[in-house]
Amino acid sequence: MKTQKLGIVLLALLLAGMAMVPIVSAVSVSETSDVMSDSLANETKTINGETLPVIQWVTHEIDASEYSKPLTREEFLAVNKEYIDYISKTAGKEAAEKYVNDFYTQKSATSRSVKAADPTNVKQIMGKDVWLWAYESPDKDLYDPDPAPITWVVIGNTVSQFKSFLESKGWAETWYAGSEFGLNGPNSALLNWGPEATDMEIFPTPDHSYRYHCTLHEGGYSAGYAAQWSFGECHKEIGALHTLDVNAFTKGETYLYNTIGSSYNKYSSNLGNSNGYFDGNGHLYKVR
């Protein structure tokens, strides 16, 4: 009789232990997703039919002249060698020379901004060591009259890791893109221009009539998040010459958002860099 009672007690304890397992797992998942809680603005925003927490960014003024490092012609030719060679092979030497000359006379053959960037628009995630200029420049110039707006940030991925994720979704690295540079750092004293961006592309249709093009910049290590981070922009281009589509950066970021799906935690992120091609509704993605 005692043996039977003991068996019943042990069985009850075993079942209780099994029932507790999902509870422990649920707490773990909750703690993982809440790592961004002290970076949030305590509000939500509904975009693309999904309601997201809003990341809180703080704006800092800097001396733009201290950080602007325009490339010399020789430096520009060096960092764009692959792209210039590509243009020369596919469109001819004259087209390649025109690209270089256009850069020095117009900064860009096709306007991407409609409005000039604010050279003091450096953003920091509230209380964290994640700082960046809200744009990228092919010339390392905060006074660049035609910069591209940053549309996304990833916490928990280096460029290589995020590149691998995009490749798993059908994207590929491309040389059909001019060099772009981003300014970032852990604080205002250590802001610097990183290496040129890694360029990714995807052609959603067999006729290659349009593509989505993303730039990937290394952010570095954040002690506040105990993780690497990266950032960049996405835009949509149409036609054989890859001309910017209407609302190109808004469409590009929406496509990236849909590519991310449920693979990352997603947050609304507005860097105050809206322009004629971008509505300012960017995102921060956090590795789960």
C-alpha atoms as a PDB file:
ATOM      1  CA  MET A   1       0.000   0.000   0.000  1.00  0.00           C
ATOM      2  CA  LYS A   2       2.794   2.408   0.910  1.00  0.00           C
ATOM      3  CA  THR A   3       4.598   1.453  -2.283  1.00  0.00           C
ATOM      4  CA  GLN A   4       1.478   2.252  -4.310  1.00  0.00           C
ATOM      5  CA  LYS A   5       1.094   5.664  -2.626  1.00  0.00           C
ATOM      6  CA  LEU A   6       4.761   6.451  -3.240  1.00  0.00           C
ATOM      7  CA  GLY A   7       4.347   5.626  -6.942  1.00  0.00           C
ATOM      8  CA  ILE A   8       1.348   7.919  -7.199  1.00  0.00           C
ATOM      9  CA  VAL A   9       3.266  10.774  -5.532  1.00  0.00           C
ATOM     10  CA  LEU A  10       6.249  10.345  -7.856  1.00  0.00           C
ATOM     11  CA  LEU A  11       3.973  10.289 -10.886  1.00  0.00           C
ATOM     12  CA  ALA A  12       2.284  13.484  -9.709  1.00  0.00           C
ATOM     13  CA  LEU A  13       5.647  15.205  -9.229  1.00  0.00           C
ATOM     14  CA  LEU A  14       6.782  14.097 -12.683  1.00  0.00           C
ATOM     15  CA  LEU A  15       3.636  15.466 -14.334  1.00  0.00           C
ATOM     16  CA  ALA A  16       3.965  18.721 -12.419  1.00  0.00           C
ATOM     17  CA  GLY A  17       7.556  19.074 -13.593  1.00  0.00           C
ATOM     18  CA  MET A  18       6.523  18.491 -17.195  1.00  0.00           C
ATOM     19  CA  ALA A  19       3.790  21.104 -16.924  1.00  0.00           C
ATOM     20  CA  MET A  20       6.298  23.654 -15.693  1.00  0.00           C
ATOM     21  CA  VAL A  21       8.591  23.377 -18.721  1.00  0.00           C
ATOM     22  CA  PRO A  22       6.523  25.590 -21.094  1.00  0.00           C
ATOM     23  CA  ILE A  23       6.224  28.226 -18.376  1.00  0.00           C
ATOM     24  CA  VAL A  24      10.009  28.493 -18.052  1.00  0.00           C
ATOM     25  CA  SER A  25      10.408  28.645 -21.847  1.00  0.00           C
ATOM     26  CA  ALA A  26       7.807  31.391 -22.135  1.00  0.00           C
ATOM     27  CA  VAL A  27       9.643  33.565 -19.628  1.00  0.00           C
ATOM     28  CA  SER A  28      12.887  33.087 -21.559  1.00  0.00           C
ATOM     29  CA  VAL A  29      11.312  34.209 -24.835  1.00  0.00           C
ATOM     30  CA  SER A  30       9.737  37.217 -23.122  1.00  0.00           C
ATOM     31  CA  GLU A  31      13.064  38.301 -21.646  1.00  0.00           C
ATOM     32  CA  THR A  32      14.718  38.019 -25.050  1.00  0.00           C
ATOM     33  CA  SER A  33      12.157  40.236 -26.785  1.00  0.00           C
ATOM     34  CA  ASP A  34      12.137  42.774 -23.940  1.00  0.00           C
ATOM     35  CA  VAL A  35      15.849  43.599 -24.274  1.00  0.00           C
ATOM     36  CA  MET A  36      14.799  46.701 -26.253  1.00  0.00           C
ATOM     37  CA  SER A  37      12.291  47.875 -23.650  1.00  0.00           C
ATOM     38  CA  ASP A  38      14.419  50.734 -22.294  1.00  0.00           C
ATOM     39  CA  SER A  39      14.945  52.006 -25.847  1.00  0.00           C
ATOM     40  CA  LEU A  40      11.249  52.391 -26.603  1.00  0.00           C
ATOM     41  CA  ALA A  41       9.180  55.558 -26.716  1.00  0.00           C
ATOM     42  CA  ASN A  42       6.186  53.956 -24.950  1.00  0.00           C
ATOM     43  CA  GLU A  43       4.051  54.286 -28.054  1.00  0.00           C
ATOM     44  CA  THR A  44       3.155  52.168 -31.053  1.00  0.00           C
ATOM     45  CA  LYS A  45       2.819  52.811 -34.758  1.00  0.00           C
ATOM     46  CA  THR A  46       0.821  50.846 -37.302  1.00  0.00           C
ATOM     47  CA  ILE A  47       2.596  50.459 -40.634  1.00  0.00           C
ATOM     48  CA  ASN A  48       1.815  47.947 -43.372  1.00  0.00           C
ATOM     49  CA  GLY A  49      -1.049  46.641 -41.245  1.00  0.00           C
ATOM     50  CA  GLU A  50       1.196  45.681 -38.310  1.00  0.00           C
ATOM     51  CA  THR A  51       1.407  47.565 -35.004  1.00  0.00           C
ATOM     52  CA  LEU A  52       5.000  47.963 -33.788  1.00  0.00           C
ATOM     53  CA  PRO A  53       6.706  49.451 -30.705  1.00  0.00           C
ATOM     54  CA  VAL A  54       8.518  52.708 -31.511  1.00  0.00           C
ATOM     55  CA  ILE A  55      12.275  53.097 -30.983  1.00  0.00           C
ATOM     56  CA  GLN A  56      13.235  56.355 -29.263  1.00  0.00           C
ATOM     57  CA  TRP A  57      16.047  58.256 -31.006  1.00  0.00           C
ATOM     58  CA  VAL A  58      17.784  61.348 -29.657  1.00  0.00           C
ATOM     59  CA  THR A  59      19.171  64.003 -32.027  1.00  0.00           C
ATOM     60  CA  HIS A  60      22.680  65.415 -31.445  1.00  0.00           C
ATOM     61  CA  GLU A  61      24.334  68.370 -33.094  1.00  0.00           C
ATOM     62  CA  ILE A  62      27.929  67.958 -34.209  1.00  0.00           C
ATOM     63  CA  ASP A  63      30.454  70.098 -36.015  1.00  0.00           C
ATOM     64  CA  ALA A  64      29.905  68.819 -39.555  1.00  0.00           C
ATOM     65  CA  SER A  65      33.154  70.363 -40.808  1.00  0.00           C
ATOM     66  CA  GLU A  66      35.080  68.137 -38.388  1.00  0.00           C
ATOM     67  CA  TYR A  67      33.649  64.932 -39.831  1.00  0.00           C
ATOM     68  CA  SER A  68      33.300  65.726 -43.541  1.00  0.00           C
ATOM     69  CA  LYS A  69      36.108  63.944 -45.423  1.00  0.00           C
ATOM     70  CA  PRO A  70      35.393  64.367 -49.162  1.00  0.00           C
ATOM     71  CA  LEU A  71      37.184  61.847 -51.344  1.00  0.00           C
ATOM     72  CA  THR A  72      39.845  62.987 -53.776  1.00  0.00           C
ATOM     73  CA  ARG A  73      39.360  62.003 -57.398  1.00  0.00           C
ATOM     74  CA  GLU A  74      41.966  59.273 -56.986  1.00  0.00           C
ATOM     75  CA  GLU A  75      40.226  57.887 -53.879  1.00  0.00           C
ATOM     76  CA  PHE A  76      36.871  57.953 -55.645  1.00  0.00           C
ATOM     77  CA  LEU A  77      38.284  56.025 -58.609  1.00  0.00           C
ATOM     78  CA  ALA A  78      39.864  53.487 -56.259  1.00  0.00           C
ATOM     79  CA  VAL A  79      36.774  52.676 -54.181  1.00  0.00           C
ATOM     80  CA  ASN A  80      34.546  52.568 -57.280  1.00  0.00           C
ATOM     81  CA  LYS A  81      36.936  50.575 -59.479  1.00  0.00           C
ATOM     82  CA  GLU A  82      34.713  47.472 -59.759  1.00  0.00           C
ATOM     83  CA  TYR A  83      31.632  49.537 -60.549  1.00  0.00           C
ATOM     84  CA  ILE A  84      33.428  51.701 -63.108  1.00  0.00           C
ATOM     85  CA  ASP A  85      34.884  48.575 -64.755  1.00  0.00           C
ATOM     86  CA  TYR A  86      31.396  47.076 -64.854  1.00  0.00           C
ATOM     87  CA  ILE A  87      29.962  50.167 -66.557  1.00  0.00           C
ATOM     88  CA  SER A  88      32.843  50.220 -69.009  1.00  0.00           C
ATOM     89  CA  LYS A  89      32.295  46.565 -69.977  1.00  0.00           C
ATOM     90  CA  THR A  90      28.506  46.740 -70.235  1.00  0.00           C
ATOM     91  CA  ALA A  91      27.875  50.289 -71.479  1.00  0.00           C
ATOM     92  CA  GLY A  92      31.244  51.393 -72.834  1.00  0.00           C
ATOM     93  CA  LYS A  93      34.181  53.496 -71.717  1.00  0.00           C
ATOM     94  CA  GLU A  94      32.386  56.751 -72.527  1.00  0.00           C
ATOM     95  CA  ALA A  95      29.543  55.872 -70.139  1.00  0.00           C
ATOM     96  CA  ALA A  96      32.050  55.043 -67.410  1.00  0.00           C
ATOM     97  CA  GLU A  97      33.797  58.388 -67.862  1.00  0.00           C
ATOM     98  CA  LYS A  98      30.430  60.156 -67.760  1.00  0.00           C
ATOM     99  CA  TYR A  99      29.638  58.485 -64.421  1.00  0.00           C
ATOM    100  CA  VAL A 100      32.884  59.811 -62.922  1.00  0.00           C
ATOM    101  CA  ASN A 101      32.423  63.305 -64.384  1.00  0.00           C
ATOM    102  CA  ASP A 102      28.787  63.453 -63.264  1.00  0.00           C
ATOM    103  CA  PHE A 103      29.842  62.673 -59.733  1.00  0.00           C
ATOM    104  CA  TYR A 104      32.163  65.662 -59.620  1.00  0.00           C
ATOM    105  CA  THR A 105      29.781  68.057 -61.326  1.00  0.00           C
ATOM    106  CA  GLN A 106      26.448  66.939 -59.841  1.00  0.00           C
ATOM    107  CA  LYS A 107      27.463  64.559 -57.038  1.00  0.00           C
ATOM    108  CA  SER A 108      25.006  62.059 -58.511  1.00  0.00           C
ATOM    109  CA  ALA A 109      23.632  61.501 -61.982  1.00  0.00           C
ATOM    110  CA  THR A 110      20.175  60.822 -60.534  1.00  0.00           C
ATOM    111  CA  SER A 111      18.891  62.801 -57.560  1.00  0.00           C
ATOM    112  CA  ARG A 112      18.013  60.673 -54.552  1.00  0.00           C
ATOM    113  CA  SER A 113      17.023  63.268 -51.997  1.00  0.00           C
ATOM    114  CA  VAL A 114      14.864  66.119 -53.298  1.00  0.00           C
ATOM    115  CA  LYS A 115      15.881  67.943 -50.124  1.00  0.00           C
ATOM    116  CA  ALA A 116      19.346  68.386 -48.638  1.00  0.00           C
ATOM    117  CA  ALA A 117      20.281  66.470 -45.524  1.00  0.00           C
ATOM    118  CA  ASP A 118      20.805  68.147 -42.169  1.00  0.00           C
ATOM    119  CA  PRO A 119      24.548  67.759 -41.544  1.00  0.00           C
ATOM    120  CA  THR A 120      23.964  67.857 -37.781  1.00  0.00           C
ATOM    121  CA  ASN A 121      21.299  65.130 -37.864  1.00  0.00           C
ATOM    122  CA  VAL A 122      23.185  62.507 -35.862  1.00  0.00           C
ATOM    123  CA  LYS A 123      20.958  60.078 -34.007  1.00  0.00           C
ATOM    124  CA  GLN A 124      21.446  57.983 -30.875  1.00  0.00           C
ATOM    125  CA  ILE A 125      19.164  55.272 -29.542  1.00  0.00           C
ATOM    126  CA  MET A 126      18.032  56.584 -26.154  1.00  0.00           C
ATOM    127  CA  GLY A 127      20.629  55.649 -23.535  1.00  0.00           C
ATOM    128  CA  LYS A 128      22.536  53.278 -25.836  1.00  0.00           C
ATOM    129  CA  ASP A 129      25.896  53.365 -27.602  1.00  0.00           C
ATOM    130  CA  VAL A 130      24.360  53.217 -31.069  1.00  0.00           C
ATOM    131  CA  TRP A 131      24.995  56.475 -32.954  1.00  0.00           C
ATOM    132  CA  LEU A 132      24.684  57.167 -36.678  1.00  0.00           C
ATOM    133  CA  TRP A 133      24.196  59.894 -39.238  1.00  0.00           C
ATOM    134  CA  ALA A 134      20.721  59.464 -40.725  1.00  0.00           C
ATOM    135  CA  TYR A 135      22.096  59.303 -44.274  1.00  0.00           C
ATOM    136  CA  GLU A 136      24.897  57.768 -46.322  1.00  0.00           C
ATOM    137  CA  SER A 137      27.235  59.561 -48.712  1.00  0.00           C
ATOM    138  CA  PRO A 138      29.369  58.387 -51.653  1.00  0.00           C
ATOM    139  CA  ASP A 139      31.836  61.129 -50.719  1.00  0.00           C
ATOM    140  CA  LYS A 140      32.108  60.922 -46.896  1.00  0.00           C
ATOM    141  CA  ASP A 141      30.600  64.395 -46.846  1.00  0.00           C
ATOM    142  CA  LEU A 142      27.995  65.554 -44.307  1.00  0.00           C
ATOM    143  CA  TYR A 143      27.296  68.495 -46.626  1.00  0.00           C
ATOM    144  CA  ASP A 144      26.508  66.119 -49.505  1.00  0.00           C
ATOM    145  CA  PRO A 145      23.532  67.710 -51.321  1.00  0.00           C
ATOM    146  CA  ASP A 146      22.246  64.334 -52.495  1.00  0.00           C
ATOM    147  CA  PRO A 147      22.587  61.715 -49.746  1.00  0.00           C
ATOM    148  CA  ALA A 148      20.516  58.546 -49.396  1.00  0.00           C
ATOM    149  CA  PRO A 149      18.403  58.155 -46.230  1.00  0.00           C
ATOM    150  CA  ILE A 150      19.141  55.313 -43.832  1.00  0.00           C
ATOM    151  CA  THR A 151      16.018  53.148 -43.627  1.00  0.00           C
ATOM    152  CA  TRP A 152      16.947  50.256 -41.318  1.00  0.00           C
ATOM    153  CA  VAL A 153      19.093  49.171 -38.356  1.00  0.00           C
ATOM    154  CA  VAL A 154      19.739  45.593 -37.198  1.00  0.00           C
ATOM    155  CA  ILE A 155      20.748  44.786 -33.634  1.00  0.00           C
ATOM    156  CA  GLY A 156      22.519  41.434 -33.322  1.00  0.00           C
ATOM    157  CA  ASN A 157      23.984  41.067 -36.830  1.00  0.00           C
ATOM    158  CA  THR A 158      27.242  42.076 -38.444  1.00  0.00           C
ATOM    159  CA  VAL A 159      27.132  42.942 -42.143  1.00  0.00           C
ATOM    160  CA  SER A 160      28.318  39.417 -42.946  1.00  0.00           C
ATOM    161  CA  GLN A 161      25.552  37.841 -40.861  1.00  0.00           C
ATOM    162  CA  PHE A 162      22.793  40.035 -42.297  1.00  0.00           C
ATOM    163  CA  LYS A 163      24.176  39.441 -45.791  1.00  0.00           C
ATOM    164  CA  SER A 164      23.887  35.681 -45.183  1.00  0.00           C
ATOM    165  CA  PHE A 165      20.289  36.124 -44.076  1.00  0.00           C
ATOM    166  CA  LEU A 166      19.429  38.082 -47.230  1.00  0.00           C
ATOM    167  CA  GLU A 167      21.164  35.465 -49.392  1.00  0.00           C
ATOM    168  CA  SER A 168      18.969  32.807 -47.805  1.00  0.00           C
ATOM    169  CA  LYS A 169      15.990  34.833 -49.071  1.00  0.00           C
ATOM    170  CA  GLY A 170      17.235  35.044 -52.658  1.00  0.00           C
ATOM    171  CA  TRP A 171      19.319  38.249 -52.544  1.00  0.00           C
ATOM    172  CA  ALA A 172      22.809  38.408 -54.026  1.00  0.00           C
ATOM    173  CA  GLU A 173      25.818  40.700 -53.706  1.00  0.00           C
ATOM    174  CA  THR A 174      26.285  43.079 -56.636  1.00  0.00           C
ATOM    175  CA  TRP A 175      28.991  45.348 -58.061  1.00  0.00           C
ATOM    176  CA  TYR A 176      26.405  47.331 -60.029  1.00  0.00           C
ATOM    177  CA  ALA A 177      26.419  50.126 -57.454  1.00  0.00           C
ATOM    178  CA  GLY A 178      28.586  53.087 -56.570  1.00  0.00           C
ATOM    179  CA  SER A 179      30.330  53.173 -53.199  1.00  0.00           C
ATOM    180  CA  GLU A 180      28.438  54.551 -50.193  1.00  0.00           C
ATOM    181  CA  PHE A 181      29.734  55.390 -46.721  1.00  0.00           C
ATOM    182  CA  GLY A 182      27.995  55.705 -43.379  1.00  0.00           C
ATOM    183  CA  LEU A 183      29.051  57.719 -40.315  1.00  0.00           C
ATOM    184  CA  ASN A 184      28.560  55.929 -36.997  1.00  0.00           C
ATOM    185  CA  GLY A 185      30.111  55.094 -33.641  1.00  0.00           C
ATOM    186  CA  PRO A 186      29.501  54.338 -29.937  1.00  0.00           C
ATOM    187  CA  ASN A 187      29.423  58.025 -28.923  1.00  0.00           C
ATOM    188  CA  SER A 188      29.927  61.557 -30.268  1.00  0.00           C
ATOM    189  CA  ALA A 189      33.694  61.457 -29.745  1.00  0.00           C
ATOM    190  CA  LEU A 190      34.204  58.245 -31.727  1.00  0.00           C
ATOM    191  CA  LEU A 191      32.099  58.824 -34.823  1.00  0.00           C
ATOM    192  CA  ASN A 192      33.861  57.666 -37.974  1.00  0.00           C
ATOM    193  CA  TRP A 193      33.253  56.766 -41.597  1.00  0.00           C
ATOM    194  CA  GLY A 194      33.267  53.018 -41.972  1.00  0.00           C
ATOM    195  CA  PRO A 195      34.360  51.050 -45.038  1.00  0.00           C
ATOM    196  CA  GLU A 196      32.274  51.241 -48.185  1.00  0.00           C
ATOM    197  CA  ALA A 197      28.926  49.486 -47.975  1.00  0.00           C
ATOM    198  CA  THR A 198      28.245  45.950 -49.098  1.00  0.00           C
ATOM    199  CA  ASP A 199      25.629  46.070 -51.872  1.00  0.00           C
ATOM    200  CA  MET A 200      22.839  43.499 -52.215  1.00  0.00           C
ATOM    201  CA  GLU A 201      20.187  43.163 -54.893  1.00  0.00           C
ATOM    202  CA  ILE A 202      17.197  41.052 -55.825  1.00  0.00           C
ATOM    203  CA  PHE A 203      15.178  40.908 -59.056  1.00  0.00           C
ATOM    204  CA  PRO A 204      11.660  39.733 -58.127  1.00  0.00           C
ATOM    205  CA  THR A 205      10.567  39.107 -61.743  1.00  0.00           C
ATOM    206  CA  PRO A 206      12.194  36.984 -64.506  1.00  0.00           C
ATOM    207  CA  ASP A 207      12.387  39.929 -66.924  1.00  0.00           C
ATOM    208  CA  HIS A 208      14.617  41.909 -64.517  1.00  0.00           C
ATOM    209  CA  SER A 209      12.517  45.010 -65.189  1.00  0.00           C
ATOM    210  CA  TYR A 210      13.148  46.265 -61.671  1.00  0.00           C
ATOM    211  CA  ARG A 211      15.266  45.437 -58.674  1.00  0.00           C
ATOM    212  CA  TYR A 212      15.546  46.168 -54.969  1.00  0.00           C
ATOM    213  CA  HIS A 213      18.974  47.387 -53.914  1.00  0.00           C
ATOM    214  CA  CYS A 214      20.188  47.461 -50.297  1.00  0.00           C
ATOM    215  CA  THR A 215      23.390  48.859 -48.822  1.00  0.00           C
ATOM    216  CA  LEU A 216      24.835  47.266 -45.664  1.00  0.00           C
ATOM    217  CA  HIS A 217      27.094  49.201 -43.270  1.00  0.00           C
ATOM    218  CA  GLU A 218      28.994  47.868 -40.256  1.00  0.00           C
ATOM    219  CA  GLY A 219      27.842  49.451 -36.993  1.00  0.00           C
ATOM    220  CA  GLY A 220      30.311  47.813 -34.610  1.00  0.00           C
ATOM    221  CA  TYR A 221      29.837  46.381 -31.141  1.00  0.00           C
ATOM    222  CA  SER A 222      27.288  47.815 -28.733  1.00  0.00           C
ATOM    223  CA  ALA A 223      28.151  47.239 -25.080  1.00  0.00           C
ATOM    224  CA  GLY A 224      24.670  48.444 -24.177  1.00  0.00           C
ATOM    225  CA  TYR A 225      23.074  45.613 -26.136  1.00  0.00           C
ATOM    226  CA  ALA A 226      26.039  43.218 -25.840  1.00  0.00           C
ATOM    227  CA  ALA A 227      25.713  42.673 -29.569  1.00  0.00           C
ATOM    228  CA  GLN A 228      27.029  43.705 -32.963  1.00  0.00           C
ATOM    229  CA  TRP A 229      24.852  45.963 -35.109  1.00  0.00           C
ATOM    230  CA  SER A 230      24.597  47.072 -38.713  1.00  0.00           C
ATOM    231  CA  PHE A 231      22.538  49.542 -40.722  1.00  0.00           C
ATOM    232  CA  GLY A 232      21.782  50.727 -44.230  1.00  0.00           C
ATOM    233  CA  GLU A 233      19.088  51.569 -46.742  1.00  0.00           C
ATOM    234  CA  CYS A 234      16.940  49.837 -49.339  1.00  0.00           C
ATOM    235  CA  HIS A 235      15.379  51.311 -52.461  1.00  0.00           C
ATOM    236  CA  LYS A 236      13.614  50.228 -55.645  1.00  0.00           C
ATOM    237  CA  GLU A 237      15.094  50.817 -59.095  1.00  0.00           C
ATOM    238  CA  ILE A 238      13.428  50.389 -62.479  1.00  0.00           C
ATOM    239  CA  GLY A 239      14.625  49.877 -66.044  1.00  0.00           C
ATOM    240  CA  ALA A 240      17.936  48.798 -67.522  1.00  0.00           C
ATOM    241  CA  LEU A 241      19.731  51.845 -66.084  1.00  0.00           C
ATOM    242  CA  HIS A 242      18.370  51.198 -62.565  1.00  0.00           C
ATOM    243  CA  THR A 243      16.613  54.549 -62.225  1.00  0.00           C
ATOM    244  CA  LEU A 244      14.992  55.326 -58.881  1.00  0.00           C
ATOM    245  CA  ASP A 245      11.297  54.484 -58.830  1.00  0.00           C
ATOM    246  CA  VAL A 246       8.675  56.836 -57.378  1.00  0.00           C
ATOM    247  CA  ASN A 247       8.903  56.630 -53.557  1.00  0.00           C
ATOM    248  CA  ALA A 248      11.932  54.389 -54.120  1.00  0.00           C
ATOM    249  CA  PHE A 249      13.172  54.236 -50.513  1.00  0.00           C
ATOM    250  CA  THR A 250       9.700  53.748 -49.025  1.00  0.00           C
ATOM    251  CA  LYS A 251       9.095  50.852 -51.430  1.00  0.00           C
ATOM    252  CA  GLY A 252      12.550  49.417 -50.788  1.00  0.00           C
ATOM    253  CA  GLU A 253      12.160  49.439 -47.015  1.00  0.00           C
ATOM    254  CA  THR A 254       8.686  47.880 -47.328  1.00  0.00           C
ATOM    255  CA  TYR A 255      10.150  45.064 -49.418  1.00  0.00           C
ATOM    256  CA  LEU A 256      12.912  44.495 -46.853  1.00  0.00           C
ATOM    257  CA  TYR A 257      10.311  44.532 -44.056  1.00  0.00           C
ATOM    258  CA  ASN A 258       8.382  41.780 -45.827  1.00  0.00           C
ATOM    259  CA  THR A 259      11.612  39.857 -46.421  1.00  0.00           C
ATOM    260  CA  ILE A 260      12.357  39.975 -42.678  1.00  0.00           C
ATOM    261  CA  GLY A 261       8.957  38.451 -41.902  1.00  0.00           C
ATOM    262  CA  SER A 262       9.020  36.808 -38.473  1.00  0.00           C
ATOM    263  CA  SER A 263      12.774  36.091 -38.500  1.00  0.00           C
ATOM    264  CA  TYR A 264      13.562  39.178 -36.346  1.00  0.00           C
ATOM    265  CA  ASN A 265      11.719  41.249 -33.764  1.00  0.00           C
ATOM    266  CA  LYS A 266      10.563  44.428 -35.539  1.00  0.00           C
ATOM    267  CA  TYR A 267      10.267  48.021 -34.319  1.00  0.00           C
ATOM    268  CA  SER A 268       9.211  51.299 -35.907  1.00  0.00           C
ATOM    269  CA  SER A 269      12.212  53.618 -36.364  1.00  0.00           C
ATOM    270  CA  ASN A 270      11.980  57.182 -37.708  1.00  0.00           C
ATOM    271  CA  LEU A 271      15.325  58.960 -38.090  1.00  0.00           C
ATOM    272  CA  GLY A 272      13.807  62.246 -39.245  1.00  0.00           C
ATOM    273  CA  ASN A 273      15.234  61.783 -42.738  1.00  0.00           C
ATOM    274  CA  SER A 274      12.121  61.731 -44.901  1.00  0.00           C
ATOM    275  CA  ASN A 275      12.442  63.230 -48.380  1.00  0.00           C
ATOM    276  CA  GLY A 276      10.754  63.074 -51.754  1.00  0.00           C
ATOM    277  CA  TYR A 277      11.633  59.393 -52.098  1.00  0.00           C
ATOM    278  CA  PHE A 278      11.148  58.233 -48.494  1.00  0.00           C
ATOM    279  CA  ASP A 279       8.287  58.752 -46.045  1.00  0.00           C
ATOM    280  CA  GLY A 280      10.613  58.370 -43.035  1.00  0.00           C
ATOM    281  CA  ASN A 281       9.017  55.153 -41.790  1.00  0.00           C
ATOM    282  CA  GLY A 282      12.077  52.983 -41.260  1.00  0.00           C
ATOM    283  CA  HIS A 283      12.571  49.978 -39.011  1.00  0.00           C
ATOM    284  CA  LEU A 284      14.869  48.496 -36.419  1.00  0.00           C
ATOM    285  CA  TYR A 285      15.227  44.724 -36.536  1.00  0.00           C
ATOM    286  CA  LYS A 286      16.449  42.722 -33.541  1.00  0.00           C
ATOM    287  CA  VAL A 287      17.807  39.178 -33.771  1.00  0.00           C
ATOM    288  CA  ARG A 288      15.510  36.840 -31.853  1.00  0.00           C
END
